[in-house]
Amino acid sequence: MSEQYFATEPSAAHRPGSVHVILPDLHLNLETDAGVFSAGRLDPGTRVLLDTAPPAPAGGDLLDLGSGYGPIALTMAARSPAARVWAVDVNERALALTAANASRAGLGNVTCATPDDPGLPARFQLIMSNPPIRIGKEALHELLARWIGKLAPEARAYLVVQRNLGSDSLARWLTESGLTVRRTAARSGYRVLEVRQESS
């Protein structure tokens, strides 16, 4: 990969494109660009996550961690119109695309933010993520520990990870960190992990 999609300001020349997200209840036409994750197609892991995750809460603050151009965030926003969906990414180009895609889709309940935005809520009722595995294990663990720690009581995180990129070892690390982990789906080489904090 010549351009890392987790760069803050991608240096790749703009190459606009579009991706269709077609689900049983939803059809989104999303603008994409070079320098963002899976710009040419809906990532198959994201597809597995959107197909298999349970319905999002109807209200509250929902998080798409590592939003890219917005397929997860916009799907949550369309399915839970009374919720506030936070699309968080370090990639400024990705956030701009998510904001434009939400506006085009008429989804006013999407807020785009960088990870250090002071306006982010302290707790989330749901986290969904196709996490950036390629940032390296240590950075990934730090990222997930930070955000999963923001789950509200009884809330869940759903992570999709490719089996050959370490889904099983990630599940073990999450468990060893004191979290409750359950595999909820396995398809096309991907695993969906449900993660929640241990009940006190």
N, C-alpha and C. Protein backbone atom coordinates (compact mmCIF):
# COMPACT_ATOMS: atom_id res chain seq x y z
N MET A 1 0.85 -1.18 0.00
CA MET A 1 0.00 0.00 0.00
C MET A 1 0.89 1.23 0.00
N SER A 2 0.84 2.02 -1.07
CA SER A 2 1.75 3.14 -1.20
C SER A 2 1.38 4.29 -0.27
N GLU A 3 0.14 4.43 0.05
CA GLU A 3 -0.33 5.52 0.91
C GLU A 3 -1.09 4.92 2.08
N GLN A 4 -0.62 5.15 3.29
CA GLN A 4 -1.32 4.60 4.44
C GLN A 4 -2.60 5.39 4.70
N TYR A 5 -3.70 4.68 4.79
CA TYR A 5 -5.00 5.34 4.96
C TYR A 5 -5.14 5.98 6.33
N PHE A 6 -4.22 5.65 7.26
CA PHE A 6 -4.32 6.27 8.58
C PHE A 6 -3.40 7.48 8.73
N ALA A 7 -2.90 8.03 7.60
CA ALA A 7 -2.21 9.31 7.62
C ALA A 7 -3.21 10.42 7.92
N THR A 8 -2.78 11.44 8.65
CA THR A 8 -3.67 12.55 8.97
C THR A 8 -4.07 13.31 7.72
N GLU A 9 -3.08 13.61 6.89
CA GLU A 9 -3.34 14.32 5.63
C GLU A 9 -2.73 13.50 4.50
N PRO A 10 -3.51 12.65 3.85
CA PRO A 10 -2.97 11.80 2.79
C PRO A 10 -2.31 12.62 1.68
N SER A 11 -1.17 12.13 1.20
CA SER A 11 -0.47 12.84 0.13
C SER A 11 -0.87 12.34 -1.25
N ALA A 12 -1.65 11.26 -1.31
CA ALA A 12 -2.06 10.72 -2.60
C ALA A 12 -2.87 11.74 -3.39
N ALA A 13 -2.62 11.82 -4.69
CA ALA A 13 -3.40 12.71 -5.53
C ALA A 13 -4.87 12.30 -5.48
N HIS A 14 -5.74 13.29 -5.54
CA HIS A 14 -7.17 12.98 -5.48
C HIS A 14 -7.58 12.13 -6.68
N ARG A 15 -8.37 11.12 -6.40
CA ARG A 15 -8.91 10.24 -7.45
C ARG A 15 -10.33 9.89 -7.04
N PRO A 16 -11.27 10.80 -7.25
CA PRO A 16 -12.64 10.60 -6.77
C PRO A 16 -13.27 9.34 -7.36
N GLY A 17 -14.07 8.70 -6.56
CA GLY A 17 -14.81 7.52 -6.98
C GLY A 17 -16.08 7.41 -6.18
N SER A 18 -16.74 6.27 -6.29
CA SER A 18 -17.96 6.06 -5.51
C SER A 18 -18.10 4.57 -5.20
N VAL A 19 -18.76 4.31 -4.09
CA VAL A 19 -19.02 2.95 -3.64
C VAL A 19 -20.49 2.87 -3.25
N HIS A 20 -21.16 1.82 -3.69
CA HIS A 20 -22.55 1.60 -3.32
C HIS A 20 -22.60 0.63 -2.14
N VAL A 21 -23.31 1.01 -1.09
CA VAL A 21 -23.58 0.13 0.04
C VAL A 21 -25.03 -0.31 -0.08
N ILE A 22 -25.23 -1.57 -0.44
CA ILE A 22 -26.58 -2.09 -0.68
C ILE A 22 -26.88 -3.14 0.38
N LEU A 23 -27.80 -2.80 1.26
CA LEU A 23 -28.25 -3.69 2.34
C LEU A 23 -29.74 -3.93 2.19
N PRO A 24 -30.30 -4.93 2.85
CA PRO A 24 -31.73 -5.22 2.67
C PRO A 24 -32.64 -4.02 2.92
N ASP A 25 -32.23 -3.15 3.85
CA ASP A 25 -33.08 -2.02 4.22
C ASP A 25 -32.53 -0.67 3.79
N LEU A 26 -31.46 -0.67 3.00
CA LEU A 26 -30.73 0.59 2.80
C LEU A 26 -29.88 0.54 1.55
N HIS A 27 -29.82 1.68 0.84
CA HIS A 27 -28.90 1.82 -0.30
C HIS A 27 -28.24 3.18 -0.20
N LEU A 28 -26.92 3.17 -0.01
CA LEU A 28 -26.15 4.41 0.08
C LEU A 28 -25.17 4.48 -1.08
N ASN A 29 -25.08 5.63 -1.71
CA ASN A 29 -24.08 5.89 -2.75
C ASN A 29 -23.06 6.85 -2.15
N LEU A 30 -21.87 6.35 -1.84
CA LEU A 30 -20.89 7.11 -1.08
C LEU A 30 -19.73 7.54 -1.98
N GLU A 31 -19.35 8.81 -1.86
CA GLU A 31 -18.18 9.32 -2.55
C GLU A 31 -16.92 8.84 -1.84
N THR A 32 -15.90 8.48 -2.63
CA THR A 32 -14.63 8.03 -2.07
C THR A 32 -13.50 8.82 -2.74
N ASP A 33 -12.28 8.52 -2.32
CA ASP A 33 -11.12 9.18 -2.90
C ASP A 33 -9.88 8.36 -2.57
N ALA A 34 -8.80 8.60 -3.29
CA ALA A 34 -7.53 7.96 -2.96
C ALA A 34 -7.08 8.41 -1.58
N GLY A 35 -6.31 7.57 -0.91
CA GLY A 35 -5.77 7.92 0.39
C GLY A 35 -6.69 7.62 1.55
N VAL A 36 -7.83 6.96 1.27
CA VAL A 36 -8.72 6.53 2.35
C VAL A 36 -8.90 5.01 2.25
N PHE A 37 -9.34 4.41 3.33
CA PHE A 37 -9.44 2.96 3.40
C PHE A 37 -10.46 2.42 2.41
N SER A 38 -10.05 1.43 1.62
CA SER A 38 -10.92 0.69 0.71
C SER A 38 -11.73 1.63 -0.19
N ALA A 39 -11.01 2.51 -0.89
CA ALA A 39 -11.68 3.52 -1.70
C ALA A 39 -12.39 2.94 -2.92
N GLY A 40 -11.97 1.76 -3.38
CA GLY A 40 -12.52 1.23 -4.62
C GLY A 40 -13.74 0.34 -4.47
N ARG A 41 -14.01 -0.11 -3.24
CA ARG A 41 -15.14 -1.01 -3.03
C ARG A 41 -15.46 -1.03 -1.54
N LEU A 42 -16.65 -1.51 -1.20
CA LEU A 42 -16.98 -1.71 0.19
C LEU A 42 -16.10 -2.85 0.71
N ASP A 43 -15.30 -2.57 1.72
CA ASP A 43 -14.41 -3.60 2.26
C ASP A 43 -15.23 -4.81 2.68
N PRO A 44 -14.78 -6.02 2.34
CA PRO A 44 -15.58 -7.21 2.68
C PRO A 44 -15.77 -7.41 4.18
N GLY A 45 -14.79 -6.98 4.98
CA GLY A 45 -14.98 -7.07 6.43
C GLY A 45 -16.07 -6.13 6.91
N THR A 46 -16.08 -4.92 6.37
CA THR A 46 -17.15 -3.97 6.70
C THR A 46 -18.50 -4.54 6.31
N ARG A 47 -18.55 -5.19 5.17
CA ARG A 47 -19.79 -5.80 4.71
C ARG A 47 -20.26 -6.87 5.70
N VAL A 48 -19.35 -7.73 6.15
CA VAL A 48 -19.72 -8.76 7.13
C VAL A 48 -20.25 -8.10 8.41
N LEU A 49 -19.59 -7.05 8.86
CA LEU A 49 -20.03 -6.36 10.08
C LEU A 49 -21.43 -5.78 9.91
N LEU A 50 -21.67 -5.10 8.79
CA LEU A 50 -22.99 -4.49 8.56
C LEU A 50 -24.08 -5.55 8.40
N ASP A 51 -23.72 -6.70 7.84
CA ASP A 51 -24.71 -7.76 7.63
C ASP A 51 -25.07 -8.50 8.92
N THR A 52 -24.14 -8.55 9.88
CA THR A 52 -24.33 -9.47 11.00
C THR A 52 -24.50 -8.80 12.36
N ALA A 53 -24.10 -7.55 12.51
CA ALA A 53 -24.22 -6.91 13.82
C ALA A 53 -25.69 -6.73 14.18
N PRO A 54 -26.04 -6.84 15.45
CA PRO A 54 -27.43 -6.64 15.86
C PRO A 54 -27.85 -5.19 15.68
N PRO A 55 -29.14 -4.91 15.74
CA PRO A 55 -29.60 -3.53 15.56
C PRO A 55 -28.95 -2.59 16.58
N ALA A 56 -28.60 -1.39 16.10
CA ALA A 56 -28.02 -0.38 16.98
C ALA A 56 -29.10 0.17 17.91
N PRO A 57 -28.69 0.71 19.07
CA PRO A 57 -29.67 1.37 19.93
C PRO A 57 -30.40 2.49 19.17
N ALA A 58 -31.64 2.71 19.54
CA ALA A 58 -32.45 3.72 18.85
C ALA A 58 -31.98 5.14 19.14
N GLY A 59 -31.34 5.34 20.31
CA GLY A 59 -30.89 6.67 20.68
C GLY A 59 -29.54 6.63 21.34
N GLY A 60 -29.08 7.78 21.81
CA GLY A 60 -27.80 7.87 22.48
C GLY A 60 -26.67 8.18 21.52
N ASP A 61 -25.45 8.03 22.01
CA ASP A 61 -24.24 8.32 21.24
C ASP A 61 -23.63 7.02 20.74
N LEU A 62 -23.51 6.90 19.43
CA LEU A 62 -22.96 5.70 18.79
C LEU A 62 -21.66 6.09 18.10
N LEU A 63 -20.67 5.20 18.12
CA LEU A 63 -19.35 5.51 17.59
C LEU A 63 -18.96 4.57 16.46
N ASP A 64 -18.52 5.16 15.35
CA ASP A 64 -17.82 4.42 14.30
C ASP A 64 -16.35 4.80 14.43
N LEU A 65 -15.54 3.88 14.94
CA LEU A 65 -14.13 4.13 15.19
C LEU A 65 -13.32 3.76 13.96
N GLY A 66 -12.69 4.76 13.33
CA GLY A 66 -11.98 4.55 12.08
C GLY A 66 -12.96 4.55 10.93
N SER A 67 -13.66 5.67 10.77
CA SER A 67 -14.85 5.71 9.92
C SER A 67 -14.56 5.62 8.43
N GLY A 68 -13.33 5.96 7.99
CA GLY A 68 -13.11 6.03 6.55
C GLY A 68 -14.08 7.02 5.93
N TYR A 69 -14.65 6.67 4.78
CA TYR A 69 -15.58 7.57 4.11
C TYR A 69 -17.02 7.40 4.58
N GLY A 70 -17.23 6.53 5.60
CA GLY A 70 -18.50 6.56 6.30
C GLY A 70 -19.50 5.44 6.15
N PRO A 71 -19.16 4.28 5.57
CA PRO A 71 -20.22 3.27 5.39
C PRO A 71 -20.85 2.79 6.69
N ILE A 72 -20.05 2.60 7.74
CA ILE A 72 -20.60 2.12 9.01
C ILE A 72 -21.38 3.24 9.69
N ALA A 73 -20.78 4.42 9.76
CA ALA A 73 -21.44 5.55 10.44
C ALA A 73 -22.78 5.88 9.78
N LEU A 74 -22.81 5.93 8.46
CA LEU A 74 -24.05 6.31 7.77
C LEU A 74 -25.11 5.23 7.89
N THR A 75 -24.68 3.97 7.91
CA THR A 75 -25.65 2.89 8.10
C THR A 75 -26.27 2.98 9.49
N MET A 76 -25.45 3.20 10.51
CA MET A 76 -25.99 3.37 11.86
C MET A 76 -26.93 4.57 11.92
N ALA A 77 -26.53 5.67 11.28
CA ALA A 77 -27.35 6.89 11.33
C ALA A 77 -28.70 6.69 10.65
N ALA A 78 -28.70 5.97 9.54
CA ALA A 78 -29.96 5.73 8.83
C ALA A 78 -30.87 4.80 9.62
N ARG A 79 -30.28 3.82 10.29
CA ARG A 79 -31.09 2.84 11.03
C ARG A 79 -31.53 3.35 12.40
N SER A 80 -30.81 4.32 12.95
CA SER A 80 -31.14 4.88 14.27
C SER A 80 -31.21 6.41 14.16
N PRO A 81 -32.26 6.93 13.52
CA PRO A 81 -32.30 8.37 13.23
C PRO A 81 -32.36 9.25 14.47
N ALA A 82 -32.76 8.70 15.62
CA ALA A 82 -32.80 9.50 16.84
C ALA A 82 -31.48 9.48 17.60
N ALA A 83 -30.52 8.70 17.13
CA ALA A 83 -29.21 8.62 17.78
C ALA A 83 -28.27 9.66 17.20
N ARG A 84 -27.21 9.98 17.93
CA ARG A 84 -26.11 10.79 17.43
C ARG A 84 -24.96 9.85 17.10
N VAL A 85 -24.56 9.83 15.84
CA VAL A 85 -23.49 8.94 15.40
C VAL A 85 -22.21 9.76 15.24
N TRP A 86 -21.17 9.31 15.90
CA TRP A 86 -19.87 9.96 15.85
C TRP A 86 -18.97 9.17 14.92
N ALA A 87 -18.52 9.80 13.84
CA ALA A 87 -17.58 9.20 12.91
C ALA A 87 -16.20 9.74 13.27
N VAL A 88 -15.34 8.87 13.80
CA VAL A 88 -14.02 9.28 14.29
C VAL A 88 -12.93 8.68 13.42
N ASP A 89 -12.01 9.53 12.97
CA ASP A 89 -10.90 9.07 12.15
C ASP A 89 -9.77 10.09 12.27
N VAL A 90 -8.53 9.65 12.10
CA VAL A 90 -7.41 10.59 12.07
C VAL A 90 -7.25 11.20 10.68
N ASN A 91 -7.83 10.58 9.68
CA ASN A 91 -7.64 10.96 8.28
C ASN A 91 -8.61 12.09 7.91
N GLU A 92 -8.07 13.28 7.69
CA GLU A 92 -8.90 14.45 7.42
C GLU A 92 -9.67 14.30 6.11
N ARG A 93 -9.07 13.66 5.13
CA ARG A 93 -9.77 13.45 3.85
C ARG A 93 -10.96 12.51 4.04
N ALA A 94 -10.76 11.49 4.86
CA ALA A 94 -11.86 10.55 5.13
C ALA A 94 -13.00 11.26 5.85
N LEU A 95 -12.68 12.10 6.83
CA LEU A 95 -13.73 12.81 7.57
C LEU A 95 -14.50 13.76 6.65
N ALA A 96 -13.80 14.42 5.76
CA ALA A 96 -14.48 15.32 4.83
C ALA A 96 -15.43 14.54 3.92
N LEU A 97 -15.01 13.36 3.49
CA LEU A 97 -15.88 12.52 2.66
C LEU A 97 -17.09 12.05 3.46
N THR A 98 -16.88 11.64 4.71
CA THR A 98 -18.00 11.20 5.54
C THR A 98 -19.01 12.32 5.72
N ALA A 99 -18.53 13.53 5.99
CA ALA A 99 -19.43 14.67 6.18
C ALA A 99 -20.22 14.95 4.91
N ALA A 100 -19.55 14.90 3.76
CA ALA A 100 -20.23 15.15 2.49
C ALA A 100 -21.23 14.04 2.19
N ASN A 101 -20.85 12.80 2.47
CA ASN A 101 -21.75 11.68 2.21
C ASN A 101 -22.98 11.74 3.11
N ALA A 102 -22.78 12.12 4.37
CA ALA A 102 -23.92 12.25 5.28
C ALA A 102 -24.87 13.35 4.82
N SER A 103 -24.29 14.46 4.37
CA SER A 103 -25.12 15.57 3.89
C SER A 103 -25.92 15.16 2.66
N ARG A 104 -25.27 14.48 1.73
CA ARG A 104 -25.96 14.05 0.50
C ARG A 104 -27.07 13.07 0.81
N ALA A 105 -26.87 12.24 1.85
CA ALA A 105 -27.87 11.24 2.22
C ALA A 105 -28.95 11.81 3.14
N GLY A 106 -28.82 13.08 3.52
CA GLY A 106 -29.81 13.69 4.39
C GLY A 106 -29.75 13.19 5.82
N LEU A 107 -28.55 12.78 6.25
CA LEU A 107 -28.38 12.23 7.60
C LEU A 107 -27.73 13.29 8.48
N GLY A 108 -28.56 14.07 9.11
CA GLY A 108 -28.08 15.16 9.95
C GLY A 108 -27.62 14.73 11.32
N ASN A 109 -27.72 13.45 11.62
CA ASN A 109 -27.33 12.95 12.94
C ASN A 109 -25.93 12.35 12.97
N VAL A 110 -25.10 12.70 11.96
CA VAL A 110 -23.71 12.25 11.92
C VAL A 110 -22.80 13.43 12.25
N THR A 111 -21.90 13.23 13.20
CA THR A 111 -20.90 14.23 13.55
C THR A 111 -19.53 13.63 13.31
N CYS A 112 -18.70 14.32 12.53
CA CYS A 112 -17.35 13.85 12.24
C CYS A 112 -16.37 14.49 13.22
N ALA A 113 -15.41 13.70 13.70
CA ALA A 113 -14.48 14.20 14.71
C ALA A 113 -13.15 13.47 14.61
N THR A 114 -12.09 14.18 14.95
CA THR A 114 -10.80 13.54 15.14
C THR A 114 -10.77 12.92 16.54
N PRO A 115 -9.86 11.99 16.79
CA PRO A 115 -9.88 11.29 18.09
C PRO A 115 -9.74 12.20 19.31
N ASP A 116 -9.11 13.35 19.15
CA ASP A 116 -8.89 14.23 20.30
C ASP A 116 -9.87 15.39 20.35
N ASP A 117 -10.95 15.32 19.60
CA ASP A 117 -11.95 16.39 19.61
C ASP A 117 -12.55 16.51 21.02
N PRO A 118 -12.49 17.70 21.63
CA PRO A 118 -13.01 17.85 23.00
C PRO A 118 -14.53 17.70 23.08
N GLY A 119 -15.21 17.75 21.95
CA GLY A 119 -16.67 17.61 21.97
C GLY A 119 -17.17 16.19 22.02
N LEU A 120 -16.28 15.22 21.93
CA LEU A 120 -16.70 13.81 21.97
C LEU A 120 -17.30 13.48 23.32
N PRO A 121 -18.35 12.66 23.34
CA PRO A 121 -18.96 12.28 24.62
C PRO A 121 -18.05 11.37 25.42
N ALA A 122 -18.31 11.31 26.72
CA ALA A 122 -17.51 10.47 27.61
C ALA A 122 -17.89 9.00 27.49
N ARG A 123 -19.12 8.71 27.09
CA ARG A 123 -19.61 7.34 27.02
C ARG A 123 -20.39 7.12 25.72
N PHE A 124 -20.32 5.89 25.22
CA PHE A 124 -21.03 5.52 24.00
C PHE A 124 -21.94 4.33 24.27
N GLN A 125 -23.10 4.33 23.64
CA GLN A 125 -24.03 3.21 23.76
C GLN A 125 -23.71 2.07 22.80
N LEU A 126 -22.85 2.33 21.82
CA LEU A 126 -22.43 1.31 20.86
C LEU A 126 -21.16 1.78 20.19
N ILE A 127 -20.23 0.86 19.97
CA ILE A 127 -19.05 1.10 19.14
C ILE A 127 -19.04 0.05 18.05
N MET A 128 -18.90 0.49 16.81
CA MET A 128 -18.69 -0.43 15.69
C MET A 128 -17.42 -0.02 14.98
N SER A 129 -16.61 -1.01 14.60
CA SER A 129 -15.33 -0.67 14.00
C SER A 129 -14.78 -1.80 13.15
N ASN A 130 -14.22 -1.40 12.02
CA ASN A 130 -13.31 -2.24 11.25
C ASN A 130 -11.93 -1.64 11.55
N PRO A 131 -11.29 -2.08 12.65
CA PRO A 131 -10.15 -1.33 13.19
C PRO A 131 -8.92 -1.38 12.27
N PRO A 132 -8.06 -0.38 12.39
CA PRO A 132 -6.88 -0.28 11.52
C PRO A 132 -5.77 -1.22 11.97
N ILE A 133 -5.90 -2.48 11.63
CA ILE A 133 -4.96 -3.52 12.06
C ILE A 133 -3.53 -3.17 11.67
N ARG A 134 -3.36 -2.52 10.52
CA ARG A 134 -2.01 -2.31 9.99
C ARG A 134 -1.24 -1.20 10.69
N ILE A 135 -1.82 -0.57 11.71
CA ILE A 135 -1.03 0.40 12.48
C ILE A 135 -0.05 -0.31 13.40
N GLY A 136 -0.17 -1.62 13.54
CA GLY A 136 0.73 -2.38 14.41
C GLY A 136 0.03 -2.79 15.69
N LYS A 137 0.47 -3.90 16.26
CA LYS A 137 -0.22 -4.49 17.40
C LYS A 137 -0.25 -3.55 18.60
N GLU A 138 0.89 -2.95 18.95
CA GLU A 138 0.94 -2.10 20.14
C GLU A 138 0.01 -0.90 19.99
N ALA A 139 0.07 -0.24 18.83
CA ALA A 139 -0.79 0.92 18.60
C ALA A 139 -2.26 0.52 18.57
N LEU A 140 -2.55 -0.64 17.99
CA LEU A 140 -3.93 -1.12 17.94
C LEU A 140 -4.46 -1.39 19.34
N HIS A 141 -3.67 -2.05 20.16
CA HIS A 141 -4.10 -2.34 21.52
C HIS A 141 -4.35 -1.05 22.30
N GLU A 142 -3.48 -0.07 22.14
CA GLU A 142 -3.66 1.21 22.82
C GLU A 142 -4.95 1.89 22.36
N LEU A 143 -5.19 1.85 21.05
CA LEU A 143 -6.39 2.46 20.48
C LEU A 143 -7.65 1.80 21.03
N LEU A 144 -7.69 0.48 21.00
CA LEU A 144 -8.90 -0.23 21.43
C LEU A 144 -9.12 -0.09 22.93
N ALA A 145 -8.05 -0.14 23.71
CA ALA A 145 -8.20 0.03 25.16
C ALA A 145 -8.81 1.38 25.48
N ARG A 146 -8.36 2.40 24.78
CA ARG A 146 -8.88 3.75 25.03
C ARG A 146 -10.37 3.85 24.75
N TRP A 147 -10.78 3.34 23.60
CA TRP A 147 -12.16 3.57 23.17
C TRP A 147 -13.14 2.58 23.80
N ILE A 148 -12.74 1.33 23.94
CA ILE A 148 -13.64 0.37 24.58
C ILE A 148 -13.88 0.77 26.04
N GLY A 149 -12.90 1.44 26.63
CA GLY A 149 -13.08 1.97 27.97
C GLY A 149 -14.16 3.04 28.06
N LYS A 150 -14.62 3.55 26.93
CA LYS A 150 -15.68 4.56 26.91
C LYS A 150 -17.07 3.97 26.71
N LEU A 151 -17.18 2.65 26.71
CA LEU A 151 -18.50 2.03 26.59
C LEU A 151 -19.34 2.33 27.84
N ALA A 152 -20.59 2.68 27.61
CA ALA A 152 -21.52 2.84 28.72
C ALA A 152 -21.80 1.48 29.35
N PRO A 153 -22.27 1.45 30.60
CA PRO A 153 -22.63 0.16 31.21
C PRO A 153 -23.61 -0.62 30.31
N GLU A 154 -23.33 -1.88 30.14
CA GLU A 154 -24.16 -2.80 29.33
C GLU A 154 -24.02 -2.57 27.82
N ALA A 155 -23.22 -1.58 27.40
CA ALA A 155 -23.05 -1.32 25.97
C ALA A 155 -22.07 -2.33 25.38
N ARG A 156 -22.06 -2.43 24.07
CA ARG A 156 -21.24 -3.39 23.35
C ARG A 156 -20.40 -2.69 22.29
N ALA A 157 -19.26 -3.29 21.98
CA ALA A 157 -18.48 -2.93 20.79
C ALA A 157 -18.48 -4.12 19.85
N TYR A 158 -18.56 -3.85 18.57
CA TYR A 158 -18.48 -4.91 17.55
C TYR A 158 -17.32 -4.59 16.63
N LEU A 159 -16.35 -5.49 16.61
CA LEU A 159 -15.14 -5.32 15.82
C LEU A 159 -15.07 -6.42 14.77
N VAL A 160 -14.71 -6.06 13.54
CA VAL A 160 -14.51 -7.08 12.52
C VAL A 160 -13.03 -7.12 12.18
N VAL A 161 -12.47 -8.35 12.21
CA VAL A 161 -11.04 -8.53 11.99
C VAL A 161 -10.84 -9.77 11.13
N GLN A 162 -9.95 -9.66 10.15
CA GLN A 162 -9.66 -10.80 9.29
C GLN A 162 -8.91 -11.87 10.09
N ARG A 163 -9.28 -13.11 9.87
CA ARG A 163 -8.67 -14.20 10.63
C ARG A 163 -7.16 -14.23 10.44
N ASN A 164 -6.69 -14.08 9.21
CA ASN A 164 -5.24 -14.18 8.98
C ASN A 164 -4.50 -12.90 9.33
N LEU A 165 -5.23 -11.89 9.81
CA LEU A 165 -4.58 -10.68 10.34
C LEU A 165 -4.69 -10.62 11.86
N GLY A 166 -5.08 -11.73 12.48
CA GLY A 166 -4.95 -11.81 13.92
C GLY A 166 -6.21 -11.68 14.74
N SER A 167 -7.36 -12.08 14.19
CA SER A 167 -8.61 -11.95 14.96
C SER A 167 -8.57 -12.78 16.24
N ASP A 168 -8.01 -13.98 16.17
CA ASP A 168 -8.01 -14.85 17.34
C ASP A 168 -7.06 -14.32 18.42
N SER A 169 -5.89 -13.83 18.03
CA SER A 169 -4.96 -13.28 19.02
C SER A 169 -5.51 -11.99 19.60
N LEU A 170 -6.23 -11.19 18.81
CA LEU A 170 -6.84 -9.98 19.34
C LEU A 170 -7.92 -10.34 20.36
N ALA A 171 -8.71 -11.37 20.06
CA ALA A 171 -9.74 -11.81 21.01
C ALA A 171 -9.11 -12.25 22.32
N ARG A 172 -7.99 -12.95 22.25
CA ARG A 172 -7.29 -13.38 23.48
C ARG A 172 -6.80 -12.18 24.28
N TRP A 173 -6.20 -11.21 23.58
CA TRP A 173 -5.70 -10.03 24.29
C TRP A 173 -6.84 -9.27 24.96
N LEU A 174 -7.96 -9.11 24.27
CA LEU A 174 -9.11 -8.42 24.86
C LEU A 174 -9.60 -9.15 26.10
N THR A 175 -9.65 -10.48 26.03
CA THR A 175 -10.08 -11.27 27.19
C THR A 175 -9.10 -11.11 28.34
N GLU A 176 -7.80 -11.18 28.03
CA GLU A 176 -6.78 -11.03 29.06
C GLU A 176 -6.79 -9.63 29.68
N SER A 177 -7.36 -8.66 28.95
CA SER A 177 -7.47 -7.29 29.45
C SER A 177 -8.69 -7.11 30.36
N GLY A 178 -9.41 -8.19 30.62
CA GLY A 178 -10.55 -8.12 31.52
C GLY A 178 -11.88 -7.84 30.85
N LEU A 179 -11.92 -7.96 29.52
CA LEU A 179 -13.15 -7.73 28.78
C LEU A 179 -13.83 -9.05 28.46
N THR A 180 -15.11 -9.00 28.26
CA THR A 180 -15.87 -10.18 27.84
C THR A 180 -15.98 -10.16 26.33
N VAL A 181 -15.53 -11.22 25.69
CA VAL A 181 -15.45 -11.28 24.23
C VAL A 181 -16.22 -12.51 23.73
N ARG A 182 -17.00 -12.29 22.69
CA ARG A 182 -17.76 -13.39 22.09
C ARG A 182 -17.72 -13.23 20.58
N ARG A 183 -17.41 -14.31 19.87
CA ARG A 183 -17.46 -14.25 18.41
C ARG A 183 -18.91 -14.41 17.98
N THR A 184 -19.41 -13.44 17.25
CA THR A 184 -20.82 -13.46 16.84
C THR A 184 -21.02 -13.84 15.39
N ALA A 185 -19.96 -13.78 14.59
CA ALA A 185 -20.10 -14.15 13.18
C ALA A 185 -18.73 -14.52 12.63
N ALA A 186 -18.73 -15.40 11.63
CA ALA A 186 -17.52 -15.77 10.92
C ALA A 186 -17.92 -16.02 9.47
N ARG A 187 -17.30 -15.24 8.57
CA ARG A 187 -17.67 -15.37 7.15
C ARG A 187 -16.54 -14.83 6.29
N SER A 188 -16.23 -15.52 5.23
CA SER A 188 -15.27 -15.05 4.23
C SER A 188 -13.91 -14.71 4.84
N GLY A 189 -13.52 -15.46 5.88
CA GLY A 189 -12.24 -15.21 6.51
C GLY A 189 -12.24 -14.10 7.54
N TYR A 190 -13.41 -13.55 7.86
CA TYR A 190 -13.52 -12.48 8.85
C TYR A 190 -14.23 -12.98 10.09
N ARG A 191 -13.88 -12.38 11.21
CA ARG A 191 -14.54 -12.66 12.48
C ARG A 191 -15.14 -11.37 13.03
N VAL A 192 -16.35 -11.44 13.53
CA VAL A 192 -16.95 -10.32 14.23
C VAL A 192 -16.91 -10.64 15.72
N LEU A 193 -16.28 -9.75 16.47
CA LEU A 193 -16.14 -9.92 17.91
C LEU A 193 -17.05 -8.94 18.64
N GLU A 194 -17.86 -9.45 19.55
CA GLU A 194 -18.64 -8.61 20.45
C GLU A 194 -17.82 -8.44 21.73
N VAL A 195 -17.62 -7.19 22.13
CA VAL A 195 -16.78 -6.89 23.29
C VAL A 195 -17.58 -6.04 24.27
N ARG A 196 -17.51 -6.40 25.53
CA ARG A 196 -18.13 -5.57 26.55
C ARG A 196 -17.29 -5.61 27.81
N GLN A 197 -17.45 -4.60 28.64
CA GLN A 197 -16.73 -4.57 29.90
C GLN A 197 -17.39 -5.54 30.87
N GLU A 198 -16.57 -6.12 31.73
CA GLU A 198 -17.10 -7.03 32.74
C GLU A 198 -18.10 -6.30 33.63
N SER A 199 -19.20 -6.96 33.93
CA SER A 199 -20.17 -6.37 34.84
C SER A 199 -19.57 -6.30 36.24
N SER A 200 -19.81 -5.18 36.90
CA SER A 200 -19.25 -5.00 38.24
C SER A 200 -20.10 -5.74 39.27
